C-alpha atoms as a PDB file:
ATOM      1  CA  LYS A   1     -44.111 -45.955  11.901  1.00  0.00           C
ATOM      2  CA  ALA A   2     -47.788 -46.460  11.165  1.00  0.00           C
ATOM      3  CA  GLU A   3     -47.597 -43.985   8.295  1.00  0.00           C
ATOM      4  CA  LEU A   4     -44.525 -45.772   6.948  1.00  0.00           C
ATOM      5  CA  ARG A   5     -46.265 -49.157   7.063  1.00  0.00           C
ATOM      6  CA  GLU A   6     -49.273 -47.688   5.267  1.00  0.00           C
ATOM      7  CA  ALA A   7     -47.041 -46.138   2.622  1.00  0.00           C
ATOM      8  CA  MET A   8     -45.304 -49.460   2.054  1.00  0.00           C
ATOM      9  CA  ARG A   9     -48.654 -51.235   1.685  1.00  0.00           C
ATOM     10  CA  ASP A  10     -49.798 -48.657  -0.838  1.00  0.00           C
ATOM     11  CA  LEU A  11     -46.508 -48.969  -2.721  1.00  0.00           C
ATOM     12  CA  ARG A  12     -46.674 -52.760  -2.791  1.00  0.00           C
ATOM     13  CA  GLN A  13     -50.271 -52.564  -4.069  1.00  0.00           C
ATOM     14  CA  LEU A  14     -49.242 -50.130  -6.783  1.00  0.00           C
ATOM     15  CA  TYR A  15     -46.402 -52.385  -7.957  1.00  0.00           C
ATOM     16  CA  ARG A  16     -48.699 -55.404  -7.847  1.00  0.00           C
ATOM     17  CA  GLU A  17     -51.296 -53.656 -10.025  1.00  0.00           C
ATOM     18  CA  ARG A  18     -48.627 -52.580 -12.473  1.00  0.00           C
ATOM     19  CA  ALA A  19     -47.242 -56.091 -12.729  1.00  0.00           C
ATOM     20  CA  GLU A  20     -50.707 -57.614 -13.244  1.00  0.00           C
ATOM     21  CA  SER A  21     -51.973 -55.100 -15.808  1.00  0.00           C
ATOM     22  CA  ASN A  22     -49.034 -54.206 -18.035  1.00  0.00           C
ATOM     23  CA  TRP A  23     -51.405 -53.977 -21.007  1.00  0.00           C
ATOM     24  CA  LEU A  24     -52.794 -50.718 -19.573  1.00  0.00           C
ATOM     25  CA  ARG A  25     -49.418 -49.106 -20.113  1.00  0.00           C
ATOM     26  CA  PHE A  26     -49.890 -49.289 -23.858  1.00  0.00           C
ATOM     27  CA  LEU A  27     -52.824 -46.880 -23.451  1.00  0.00           C
ATOM     28  CA  SER A  28     -50.647 -44.378 -21.616  1.00  0.00           C
ATOM     29  CA  PRO A  29     -48.726 -41.594 -23.341  1.00  0.00           C
ATOM     30  CA  PRO A  30     -44.993 -42.185 -24.021  1.00  0.00           C
ATOM     31  CA  PRO A  31     -42.557 -41.417 -21.198  1.00  0.00           C
ATOM     32  CA  PRO A  32     -41.555 -37.728 -20.938  1.00  0.00           C
ATOM     33  CA  LEU A  33     -37.917 -38.320 -21.782  1.00  0.00           C
ATOM     34  CA  ILE A  34     -35.642 -38.744 -24.769  1.00  0.00           C
ATOM     35  CA  HIS A  35     -32.991 -41.419 -24.525  1.00  0.00           C
ATOM     36  CA  ASN A  36     -29.432 -40.342 -25.132  1.00  0.00           C
ATOM     37  CA  PRO A  37     -28.388 -42.066 -28.383  1.00  0.00           C
ATOM     38  CA  SER A  38     -24.770 -42.207 -27.200  1.00  0.00           C
ATOM     39  CA  GLU A  39     -25.673 -44.063 -23.996  1.00  0.00           C
ATOM     40  CA  PRO A  40     -23.743 -47.378 -23.900  1.00  0.00           C
ATOM     41  CA  SER A  41     -25.841 -50.475 -24.371  1.00  0.00           C
ATOM     42  CA  ASP A  42     -23.176 -53.048 -23.599  1.00  0.00           C
ATOM     43  CA  PHE A  43     -23.595 -53.034 -19.834  1.00  0.00           C
ATOM     44  CA  PRO A  44     -21.947 -56.186 -18.479  1.00  0.00           C
ATOM     45  CA  MET A  45     -24.054 -58.519 -16.400  1.00  0.00           C
ATOM     46  CA  GLY A  46     -23.017 -58.722 -12.789  1.00  0.00           C
ATOM     47  CA  LYS A  47     -23.003 -57.066  -9.391  1.00  0.00           C
ATOM     48  CA  TRP A  48     -21.031 -53.967 -10.403  1.00  0.00           C
ATOM     49  CA  ASN A  49     -24.025 -52.165 -11.908  1.00  0.00           C
ATOM     50  CA  LEU A  50     -26.517 -50.254  -9.731  1.00  0.00           C
ATOM     51  CA  TYR A  51     -30.118 -49.540 -10.687  1.00  0.00           C
ATOM     52  CA  VAL A  52     -31.836 -46.878  -8.586  1.00  0.00           C
ATOM     53  CA  GLY A  53     -35.624 -46.967  -8.325  1.00  0.00           C
ATOM     54  CA  GLY A  54     -36.348 -50.255 -10.068  1.00  0.00           C
ATOM     55  CA  ALA A  55     -38.751 -51.698  -7.511  1.00  0.00           C
ATOM     56  CA  GLY A  56     -41.547 -53.923  -8.713  1.00  0.00           C
ATOM     57  CA  ARG A  57     -39.557 -55.533 -11.505  1.00  0.00           C
ATOM     58  CA  GLU A  58     -36.479 -57.612 -12.099  1.00  0.00           C
ATOM     59  CA  VAL A  59     -33.511 -55.640 -13.432  1.00  0.00           C
ATOM     60  CA  ALA A  60     -31.108 -58.093 -15.026  1.00  0.00           C
ATOM     61  CA  GLY A  61     -27.442 -57.392 -14.495  1.00  0.00           C
ATOM     62  CA  TYR A  62     -28.001 -54.742 -11.827  1.00  0.00           C
ATOM     63  CA  VAL A  63     -28.245 -54.429  -8.069  1.00  0.00           C
ATOM     64  CA  ASN A  64     -31.775 -53.050  -7.741  1.00  0.00           C
ATOM     65  CA  LEU A  65     -32.107 -50.349  -5.059  1.00  0.00           C
ATOM     66  CA  ASP A  66     -35.296 -48.690  -3.899  1.00  0.00           C
ATOM     67  CA  LEU A  67     -36.636 -47.060  -0.766  1.00  0.00           C
ATOM     68  CA  PHE A  68     -38.705 -50.054   0.374  1.00  0.00           C
ATOM     69  CA  ALA A  69     -38.122 -53.797   0.337  1.00  0.00           C
ATOM     70  CA  VAL A  70     -40.846 -54.567  -2.217  1.00  0.00           C
ATOM     71  CA  PRO A  71     -40.600 -57.427  -4.746  1.00  0.00           C
ATOM     72  CA  GLY A  72     -37.616 -57.078  -7.040  1.00  0.00           C
ATOM     73  CA  VAL A  73     -35.554 -54.910  -4.665  1.00  0.00           C
ATOM     74  CA  ASP A  74     -32.090 -56.186  -3.751  1.00  0.00           C
ATOM     75  CA  VAL A  75     -31.194 -53.345  -1.378  1.00  0.00           C
ATOM     76  CA  ALA A  76     -33.672 -51.120   0.456  1.00  0.00           C
ATOM     77  CA  ALA A  77     -32.040 -47.741   1.102  1.00  0.00           C
ATOM     78  CA  ASP A  78     -32.298 -44.012   0.580  1.00  0.00           C
ATOM     79  CA  ALA A  79     -30.629 -42.968  -2.688  1.00  0.00           C
ATOM     80  CA  GLY A  80     -29.136 -40.020  -0.810  1.00  0.00           C
ATOM     81  CA  LEU A  81     -27.582 -42.288   1.848  1.00  0.00           C
ATOM     82  CA  LEU A  82     -26.253 -45.191  -0.170  1.00  0.00           C
ATOM     83  CA  PRO A  83     -24.856 -48.079   1.930  1.00  0.00           C
ATOM     84  CA  PHE A  84     -21.955 -48.741  -0.426  1.00  0.00           C
ATOM     85  CA  ARG A  85     -18.281 -47.913  -0.443  1.00  0.00           C
ATOM     86  CA  ASP A  86     -17.050 -45.253  -2.844  1.00  0.00           C
ATOM     87  CA  ALA A  87     -16.341 -46.493  -6.365  1.00  0.00           C
ATOM     88  CA  THR A  88     -18.271 -49.747  -5.793  1.00  0.00           C
ATOM     89  CA  PHE A  89     -20.110 -49.638  -9.113  1.00  0.00           C
ATOM     90  CA  THR A  90     -18.919 -49.182 -12.672  1.00  0.00           C
ATOM     91  CA  ARG A  91     -22.275 -47.999 -14.014  1.00  0.00           C
ATOM     92  CA  ILE A  92     -25.393 -46.525 -12.416  1.00  0.00           C
ATOM     93  CA  GLU A  93     -28.849 -46.323 -13.971  1.00  0.00           C
ATOM     94  CA  CYS A  94     -31.244 -43.760 -12.471  1.00  0.00           C
ATOM     95  CA  ASP A  95     -34.327 -43.012 -14.586  1.00  0.00           C
ATOM     96  CA  ALA A  96     -37.349 -40.924 -13.536  1.00  0.00           C
ATOM     97  CA  VAL A  97     -36.248 -40.889  -9.894  1.00  0.00           C
ATOM     98  CA  LEU A  98     -34.760 -37.473  -9.122  1.00  0.00           C
ATOM     99  CA  GLU A  99     -38.125 -35.691  -9.375  1.00  0.00           C
ATOM    100  CA  HIS A 100     -39.374 -37.859  -6.485  1.00  0.00           C
ATOM    101  CA  VAL A 101     -36.577 -37.256  -3.965  1.00  0.00           C
ATOM    102  CA  ALA A 102     -36.257 -34.514  -1.367  1.00  0.00           C
ATOM    103  CA  SER A 103     -32.901 -33.277  -2.729  1.00  0.00           C
ATOM    104  CA  ALA A 104     -31.797 -34.239  -6.223  1.00  0.00           C
ATOM    105  CA  GLU A 105     -28.403 -32.602  -5.574  1.00  0.00           C
ATOM    106  CA  VAL A 106     -27.723 -34.848  -2.570  1.00  0.00           C
ATOM    107  CA  VAL A 107     -28.689 -37.984  -4.489  1.00  0.00           C
ATOM    108  CA  VAL A 108     -26.559 -37.075  -7.511  1.00  0.00           C
ATOM    109  CA  ALA A 109     -23.585 -36.315  -5.263  1.00  0.00           C
ATOM    110  CA  ASP A 110     -23.909 -39.663  -3.475  1.00  0.00           C
ATOM    111  CA  LEU A 111     -24.269 -41.535  -6.759  1.00  0.00           C
ATOM    112  CA  SER A 112     -21.172 -39.759  -8.074  1.00  0.00           C
ATOM    113  CA  PHE A 113     -19.005 -41.032  -5.235  1.00  0.00           C
ATOM    114  CA  THR A 114     -20.423 -44.533  -5.572  1.00  0.00           C
ATOM    115  CA  SER A 115     -19.382 -44.695  -9.217  1.00  0.00           C
ATOM    116  CA  SER A 116     -15.692 -44.681 -10.162  1.00  0.00           C
ATOM    117  CA  ALA A 117     -16.650 -43.650 -13.684  1.00  0.00           C
ATOM    118  CA  GLN A 118     -18.545 -40.617 -12.358  1.00  0.00           C
ATOM    119  CA  ILE A 119     -15.478 -39.326 -10.499  1.00  0.00           C
ATOM    120  CA  ALA A 120     -13.374 -39.601 -13.638  1.00  0.00           C
ATOM    121  CA  GLY A 121     -16.078 -37.687 -15.479  1.00  0.00           C
ATOM    122  CA  LEU A 122     -16.053 -34.660 -13.164  1.00  0.00           C
ATOM    123  CA  ASN A 123     -14.955 -31.470 -14.872  1.00  0.00           C
ATOM    124  CA  THR A 124     -12.371 -29.111 -13.384  1.00  0.00           C
ATOM    125  CA  THR A 125     -15.037 -26.846 -11.856  1.00  0.00           C
ATOM    126  CA  GLN A 126     -16.672 -29.800 -10.110  1.00  0.00           C
ATOM    127  CA  VAL A 127     -13.342 -31.122  -8.839  1.00  0.00           C
ATOM    128  CA  ALA A 128     -12.418 -27.689  -7.503  1.00  0.00           C
ATOM    129  CA  ALA A 129     -15.742 -27.629  -5.614  1.00  0.00           C
ATOM    130  CA  LEU A 130     -15.041 -30.844  -3.673  1.00  0.00           C
ATOM    131  CA  THR A 131     -14.692 -30.291   0.049  1.00  0.00           C
ATOM    132  CA  THR A 132     -11.572 -31.467   1.856  1.00  0.00           C
ATOM    133  CA  THR A 133     -13.672 -34.198   3.473  1.00  0.00           C
ATOM    134  CA  GLU A 134     -14.804 -35.400   0.054  1.00  0.00           C
ATOM    135  CA  VAL A 135     -11.232 -35.282  -1.271  1.00  0.00           C
ATOM    136  CA  SER A 136     -10.003 -37.384   1.656  1.00  0.00           C
ATOM    137  CA  ALA A 137     -12.830 -39.866   1.073  1.00  0.00           C
ATOM    138  CA  LEU A 138     -11.786 -40.648  -2.514  1.00  0.00           C
ATOM    139  CA  THR A 139     -10.506 -44.145  -3.059  1.00  0.00           C
ATOM    140  CA  ALA A 140      -7.256 -44.961  -4.829  1.00  0.00           C
ATOM    141  CA  THR A 141      -9.273 -46.087  -7.863  1.00  0.00           C
ATOM    142  CA  GLN A 142     -11.134 -42.784  -8.004  1.00  0.00           C
ATOM    143  CA  VAL A 143      -7.937 -40.762  -7.640  1.00  0.00           C
ATOM    144  CA  LYS A 144      -6.341 -42.697 -10.489  1.00  0.00           C
ATOM    145  CA  GLY A 145      -9.348 -41.773 -12.615  1.00  0.00           C
ATOM    146  CA  LEU A 146      -8.904 -38.016 -12.202  1.00  0.00           C
ATOM    147  CA  THR A 147      -7.639 -36.308 -15.337  1.00  0.00           C
ATOM    148  CA  THR A 148      -4.482 -34.203 -15.330  1.00  0.00           C
ATOM    149  CA  ALA A 149      -6.688 -31.146 -15.886  1.00  0.00           C
ATOM    150  CA  SER A 150      -8.649 -32.036 -12.748  1.00  0.00           C
ATOM    151  CA  MET A 151      -5.401 -32.447 -10.788  1.00  0.00           C
ATOM    152  CA  GLY A 152      -4.375 -28.970 -11.867  1.00  0.00           C
ATOM    153  CA  ALA A 153      -7.721 -27.621 -10.642  1.00  0.00           C
ATOM    154  CA  LEU A 154      -7.147 -28.785  -7.065  1.00  0.00           C
ATOM    155  CA  SER A 155      -6.467 -26.082  -4.500  1.00  0.00           C
ATOM    156  CA  THR A 156      -3.591 -26.270  -2.036  1.00  0.00           C
ATOM    157  CA  THR A 157      -6.140 -26.987   0.719  1.00  0.00           C
ATOM    158  CA  GLN A 158      -7.473 -29.942  -1.242  1.00  0.00           C
ATOM    159  CA  VAL A 159      -3.949 -31.218  -1.933  1.00  0.00           C
ATOM    160  CA  VAL A 160      -3.100 -31.136   1.762  1.00  0.00           C
ATOM    161  CA  ALA A 161      -6.306 -33.131   2.398  1.00  0.00           C
ATOM    162  CA  LEU A 162      -5.109 -36.019   0.208  1.00  0.00           C
ATOM    163  CA  THR A 163      -4.316 -39.129   2.200  1.00  0.00           C
ATOM    164  CA  THR A 164      -1.037 -40.986   1.810  1.00  0.00           C
ATOM    165  CA  THR A 165      -2.953 -43.788   0.074  1.00  0.00           C
ATOM    166  CA  GLU A 166      -4.349 -41.330  -2.446  1.00  0.00           C
ATOM    167  CA  VAL A 167      -0.940 -39.735  -3.053  1.00  0.00           C
ATOM    168  CA  ALA A 168       0.650 -43.147  -3.547  1.00  0.00           C
ATOM    169  CA  ALA A 169      -1.970 -43.919  -6.226  1.00  0.00           C
ATOM    170  CA  LEU A 170      -1.151 -40.883  -8.369  1.00  0.00           C
ATOM    171  CA  SER A 171       0.620 -41.349 -11.668  1.00  0.00           C
ATOM    172  CA  THR A 172       3.668 -39.221 -12.443  1.00  0.00           C
ATOM    173  CA  ALA A 173       1.570 -37.338 -15.014  1.00  0.00           C
ATOM    174  CA  GLN A 174      -0.983 -36.510 -12.302  1.00  0.00           C
ATOM    175  CA  LEU A 175       1.734 -35.446  -9.862  1.00  0.00           C
ATOM    176  CA  ASN A 176       3.331 -33.122 -12.389  1.00  0.00           C
ATOM    177  CA  ALA A 177      -0.095 -31.732 -13.294  1.00  0.00           C
ATOM    178  CA  LEU A 178      -0.500 -30.478  -9.720  1.00  0.00           C
ATOM    179  CA  GLY A 179       1.709 -27.543 -10.593  1.00  0.00           C
ATOM    180  CA  THR A 180       4.459 -25.926  -8.549  1.00  0.00           C
ATOM    181  CA  THR A 181       2.079 -24.232  -6.086  1.00  0.00           C
ATOM    182  CA  ASN A 182       0.447 -27.516  -5.148  1.00  0.00           C
ATOM    183  CA  VAL A 183       3.707 -29.481  -5.137  1.00  0.00           C
ATOM    184  CA  VAL A 184       5.050 -27.053  -2.547  1.00  0.00           C
ATOM    185  CA  ALA A 185       1.845 -27.623  -0.545  1.00  0.00           C
ATOM    186  CA  LEU A 186       2.478 -31.372  -0.225  1.00  0.00           C
ATOM    187  CA  THR A 187       3.077 -32.266   3.403  1.00  0.00           C
ATOM    188  CA  THR A 188       6.179 -34.157   4.498  1.00  0.00           C
ATOM    189  CA  THR A 189       3.949 -37.171   5.156  1.00  0.00           C
ATOM    190  CA  GLU A 190       2.645 -37.014   1.594  1.00  0.00           C
ATOM    191  CA  ILE A 191       6.197 -36.610   0.246  1.00  0.00           C
ATOM    192  CA  ALA A 192       7.316 -39.653   2.200  1.00  0.00           C
ATOM    193  CA  ALA A 193       4.423 -41.664   0.691  1.00  0.00           C
ATOM    194  CA  LEU A 194       5.735 -41.211  -2.852  1.00  0.00           C
ATOM    195  CA  SER A 195       7.253 -44.264  -4.460  1.00  0.00           C
ATOM    196  CA  THR A 196      10.703 -44.141  -6.041  1.00  0.00           C
ATOM    197  CA  ALA A 197       9.029 -44.276  -9.465  1.00  0.00           C
ATOM    198  CA  GLN A 198       6.871 -41.252  -8.583  1.00  0.00           C
ATOM    199  CA  VAL A 199       9.890 -39.319  -7.301  1.00  0.00           C
ATOM    200  CA  ALA A 200      11.925 -40.182 -10.391  1.00  0.00           C
ATOM    201  CA  GLY A 201       8.991 -39.056 -12.558  1.00  0.00           C
ATOM    202  CA  LEU A 202       8.754 -35.521 -11.158  1.00  0.00           C
ATOM    203  CA  ASN A 203       9.756 -32.940 -13.728  1.00  0.00           C
ATOM    204  CA  THR A 204      12.651 -30.585 -13.042  1.00  0.00           C
ATOM    205  CA  THR A 205      10.321 -27.625 -12.464  1.00  0.00           C
ATOM    206  CA  ASN A 206       8.559 -29.397  -9.610  1.00  0.00           C
ATOM    207  CA  ILE A 207      11.853 -30.726  -8.222  1.00  0.00           C
ATOM    208  CA  GLY A 208      13.241 -27.220  -8.264  1.00  0.00           C
ATOM    209  CA  VAL A 209      10.439 -25.796  -6.114  1.00  0.00           C
ATOM    210  CA  LEU A 210      10.629 -28.399  -3.352  1.00  0.00           C
ATOM    211  CA  THR A 211      11.181 -26.743  -0.011  1.00  0.00           C
ATOM    212  CA  THR A 212      14.089 -27.690   2.231  1.00  0.00           C
ATOM    213  CA  THR A 213      11.574 -29.274   4.606  1.00  0.00           C
ATOM    214  CA  GLN A 214      10.252 -31.471   1.801  1.00  0.00           C
ATOM    215  CA  VAL A 215      13.763 -32.393   0.638  1.00  0.00           C
ATOM    216  CA  VAL A 216      14.779 -33.386   4.158  1.00  0.00           C
ATOM    217  CA  ALA A 217      11.638 -35.583   4.291  1.00  0.00           C
ATOM    218  CA  LEU A 218      12.851 -37.670   1.343  1.00  0.00           C
ATOM    219  CA  SER A 219      13.925 -41.150   2.337  1.00  0.00           C
ATOM    220  CA  THR A 220      17.326 -42.479   1.336  1.00  0.00           C
ATOM    221  CA  THR A 221      15.596 -44.706  -1.230  1.00  0.00           C
ATOM    222  CA  GLN A 222      13.852 -41.688  -2.740  1.00  0.00           C
ATOM    223  CA  VAL A 223      17.106 -39.690  -2.830  1.00  0.00           C
ATOM    224  CA  ALA A 224      18.927 -42.513  -4.578  1.00  0.00           C
ATOM    225  CA  ALA A 225      16.082 -42.658  -7.147  1.00  0.00           C
ATOM    226  CA  LEU A 226      16.581 -39.067  -8.317  1.00  0.00           C
ATOM    227  CA  THR A 227      17.745 -38.851 -11.907  1.00  0.00           C
ATOM    228  CA  THR A 228      20.805 -36.847 -12.933  1.00  0.00           C
ATOM    229  CA  THR A 229      18.489 -34.271 -14.551  1.00  0.00           C
ATOM    230  CA  GLN A 230      16.575 -33.919 -11.295  1.00  0.00           C
ATOM    231  CA  ILE A 231      19.787 -33.642  -9.248  1.00  0.00           C
ATOM    232  CA  LYS A 232      20.890 -30.736 -11.408  1.00  0.00           C
ATOM    233  CA  ALA A 233      17.563 -28.996 -10.686  1.00  0.00           C
ATOM    234  CA  VAL A 234      17.882 -29.229  -6.897  1.00  0.00           C
ATOM    235  CA  GLU A 235      18.477 -25.823  -5.342  1.00  0.00           C
ATOM    236  CA  THR A 236      21.771 -25.238  -3.497  1.00  0.00           C
ATOM    237  CA  THR A 237      19.811 -24.454  -0.324  1.00  0.00           C
ATOM    238  CA  ASP A 238      18.214 -27.889  -0.593  1.00  0.00           C
ATOM    239  CA  ILE A 239      21.598 -29.534  -1.155  1.00  0.00           C
ATOM    240  CA  ALA A 240      22.796 -27.856   2.017  1.00  0.00           C
ATOM    241  CA  ALA A 241      19.732 -29.188   3.858  1.00  0.00           C
ATOM    242  CA  LEU A 242      20.478 -32.817   3.022  1.00  0.00           C
ATOM    243  CA  SER A 243      21.362 -34.940   6.005  1.00  0.00           C
ATOM    244  CA  SER A 244      24.559 -36.980   6.219  1.00  0.00           C
ATOM    245  CA  THR A 245      22.465 -40.102   5.693  1.00  0.00           C
ATOM    246  CA  GLN A 246      20.943 -38.687   2.513  1.00  0.00           C
ATOM    247  CA  VAL A 247      24.331 -37.554   1.180  1.00  0.00           C
ATOM    248  CA  GLY A 248      25.718 -40.968   1.960  1.00  0.00           C
ATOM    249  CA  VAL A 249      23.335 -42.652  -0.514  1.00  0.00           C
ATOM    250  CA  LEU A 250      24.062 -40.380  -3.466  1.00  0.00           C
ATOM    251  CA  THR A 251      25.262 -42.468  -6.357  1.00  0.00           C
ATOM    252  CA  THR A 252      28.509 -41.738  -8.195  1.00  0.00           C
ATOM    253  CA  THR A 253      26.407 -40.806 -11.246  1.00  0.00           C
ATOM    254  CA  GLN A 254      24.447 -38.265  -9.205  1.00  0.00           C
ATOM    255  CA  ILE A 255      27.621 -36.823  -7.655  1.00  0.00           C
ATOM    256  CA  ALA A 256      29.302 -36.493 -11.026  1.00  0.00           C
ATOM    257  CA  VAL A 257      26.604 -34.114 -12.324  1.00  0.00           C
ATOM    258  CA  LEU A 258      26.551 -31.768  -9.328  1.00  0.00           C
ATOM    259  CA  SER A 259      27.357 -28.204 -10.284  1.00  0.00           C
ATOM    260  CA  THR A 260      30.250 -26.433  -8.583  1.00  0.00           C
ATOM    261  CA  SER A 261      27.778 -24.319  -6.597  1.00  0.00           C
ATOM    262  CA  GLN A 262      25.945 -27.455  -5.463  1.00  0.00           C
ATOM    263  CA  VAL A 263      29.231 -29.073  -4.376  1.00  0.00           C
ATOM    264  CA  ALA A 264      30.175 -25.944  -2.442  1.00  0.00           C
ATOM    265  CA  ALA A 265      26.756 -26.055  -0.729  1.00  0.00           C
ATOM    266  CA  ILE A 266      27.318 -29.483   0.832  1.00  0.00           C
ATOM    267  CA  GLU A 267      27.748 -29.194   4.578  1.00  0.00           C
ATOM    268  CA  THR A 268      31.256 -29.887   5.886  1.00  0.00           C
ATOM    269  CA  THR A 269      29.945 -32.710   8.062  1.00  0.00           C
ATOM    270  CA  ASP A 270      28.324 -34.234   4.981  1.00  0.00           C
ATOM    271  CA  ILE A 271      31.508 -33.989   2.889  1.00  0.00           C
ATOM    272  CA  ALA A 272      33.242 -36.240   5.379  1.00  0.00           C
ATOM    273  CA  VAL A 273      30.676 -39.041   4.875  1.00  0.00           C
ATOM    274  CA  LEU A 274      31.403 -39.381   1.161  1.00  0.00           C
ATOM    275  CA  THR A 275      33.143 -42.685   0.579  1.00  0.00           C
ATOM    276  CA  ALA A 276      36.732 -42.086  -0.529  1.00  0.00           C
ATOM    277  CA  THR A 277      37.006 -44.703  -3.257  1.00  0.00           C
ATOM    278  CA  THR A 278      33.577 -44.250  -4.889  1.00  0.00           C
ATOM    279  CA  GLN A 279      31.593 -41.092  -4.101  1.00  0.00           C
ATOM    280  CA  PHE A 280      34.548 -38.766  -3.498  1.00  0.00           C
ATOM    281  CA  ALA A 281      36.441 -40.286  -6.395  1.00  0.00           C
ATOM    282  CA  ALA A 282      33.510 -39.384  -8.687  1.00  0.00           C
ATOM    283  CA  LEU A 283      34.144 -35.649  -8.238  1.00  0.00           C
ATOM    284  CA  ALA A 284      35.763 -33.970 -11.224  1.00  0.00           C
ATOM    285  CA  ALA A 285      38.719 -31.586 -10.885  1.00  0.00           C
ATOM    286  CA  THR A 286      36.379 -28.591 -11.347  1.00  0.00           C
ATOM    287  CA  GLN A 287      34.133 -29.879  -8.558  1.00  0.00           C
ATOM    288  CA  ILE A 288      37.157 -30.396  -6.281  1.00  0.00           C
ATOM    289  CA  GLY A 289      38.213 -26.852  -7.080  1.00  0.00           C
ATOM    290  CA  ALA A 290      34.800 -25.613  -5.911  1.00  0.00           C
ATOM    291  CA  LEU A 291      35.253 -27.003  -2.393  1.00  0.00           C
ATOM    292  CA  THR A 292      35.380 -24.333   0.276  1.00  0.00           C
ATOM    293  CA  VAL A 293      38.349 -24.185   2.659  1.00  0.00           C
ATOM    294  CA  SER A 294      36.016 -25.442   5.404  1.00  0.00           C
ATOM    295  CA  GLN A 295      35.081 -28.445   3.289  1.00  0.00           C
ATOM    296  CA  VAL A 296      38.731 -29.156   2.474  1.00  0.00           C
ATOM    297  CA  ALA A 297      39.642 -28.977   6.148  1.00  0.00           C
ATOM    298  CA  ALA A 298      36.821 -31.439   6.896  1.00  0.00           C
ATOM    299  CA  LEU A 299      38.136 -34.083   4.483  1.00  0.00           C
ATOM    300  CA  THR A 300      39.210 -37.310   6.108  1.00  0.00           C
ATOM    301  CA  SER A 301      42.744 -38.632   5.691  1.00  0.00           C
ATOM    302  CA  THR A 302      41.347 -41.518   3.657  1.00  0.00           C
ATOM    303  CA  GLN A 303      39.634 -39.114   1.261  1.00  0.00           C
ATOM    304  CA  VAL A 304      42.838 -37.094   0.863  1.00  0.00           C
ATOM    305  CA  ARG A 305      44.938 -40.208   0.230  1.00  0.00           C
ATOM    306  CA  ASN A 306      42.529 -41.265  -2.503  1.00  0.00           C
ATOM    307  CA  LEU A 307      42.651 -37.965  -4.388  1.00  0.00           C
ATOM    308  CA  SER A 308      43.741 -38.625  -7.949  1.00  0.00           C
ATOM    309  CA  ALA A 309      46.412 -36.583  -9.688  1.00  0.00           C
ATOM    310  CA  THR A 310      43.680 -34.916 -11.751  1.00  0.00           C
ATOM    311  CA  GLN A 311      41.702 -34.011  -8.638  1.00  0.00           C
ATOM    312  CA  LEU A 312      44.836 -32.649  -6.911  1.00  0.00           C
ATOM    313  CA  GLY A 313      45.412 -30.517  -9.975  1.00  0.00           C
ATOM    314  CA  GLY A 314      42.045 -28.877  -9.402  1.00  0.00           C
ATOM    315  CA  LEU A 315      42.996 -27.614  -5.943  1.00  0.00           C
ATOM    316  CA  SER A 316      43.949 -23.989  -5.472  1.00  0.00           C
ATOM    317  CA  ALA A 317      46.782 -22.796  -3.243  1.00  0.00           C
ATOM    318  CA  THR A 318      44.197 -21.584  -0.722  1.00  0.00           C
ATOM    319  CA  GLN A 319      42.602 -25.019  -0.597  1.00  0.00           C
ATOM    320  CA  VAL A 320      45.982 -26.743  -0.185  1.00  0.00           C
ATOM    321  CA  GLY A 321      46.745 -24.366   2.660  1.00  0.00           C
ATOM    322  CA  ALA A 322      43.556 -25.523   4.366  1.00  0.00           C
ATOM    323  CA  PHE A 323      44.733 -29.112   4.695  1.00  0.00           C
END
């Protein structure tokens, strides 16, 4: 503690001397750096900019952070242990500081998570190097900032580490960029966190690779949100895995586009839940003709009574014999 107090006194004295004798700086050589000409100069004034290492002077438009609470410092903290939430700041200024810290890598990593813009700027190699803990710590804003290329660079382990909040923040373009391997890796909890818009935005390739466990995890709202193109892409094994509740919410438009093999895959107990006047009536003669004898035998009397002449014409003798 004594050494720390002495260091703070020395630091305060140094800043005081600098502030009182700025003219001496003109006799010093130029700073050993070259400014990036493409660096933005239109930083907005306000609390969403962070300046690291600006002690001893006022830094307009920035929260000034340094190791000690000397004049001009707004927050006294270690740059490697920043006391801010992830994605708090839009821009971060850090000049001539990294050569003075114990671990430049640690400081840069912490600054990256504090800036939403930094996360969006990570390349695919850097994204792939994130630990599962770091992936889980990303905010919704940071996740939204990831490029589709970065989404494709995620491993299945990283995808599983995504929280439901993070998954819910993904755009359909980001979801589709995960690729089939990562889509299959989504947990049932993550699947359930998808909005109807996200589900409806999945491409047919990703819909086609969903496992039966994932399909069963879809809510009735998500099932009803599937487009006709997506319904066509659902595997017959997944159709067979649908629960009676899920089958019961299929729209007439969805039912009308089912292939004959998909119709034949519907469980007999699920066939019976189709409403006679709407869902069952939406089946074409070819779809009726694809019903198995077990499915025909499972039809309710109401469904049979509501068969149209066209639908009856699609029945085979074997199917009629199953009544």
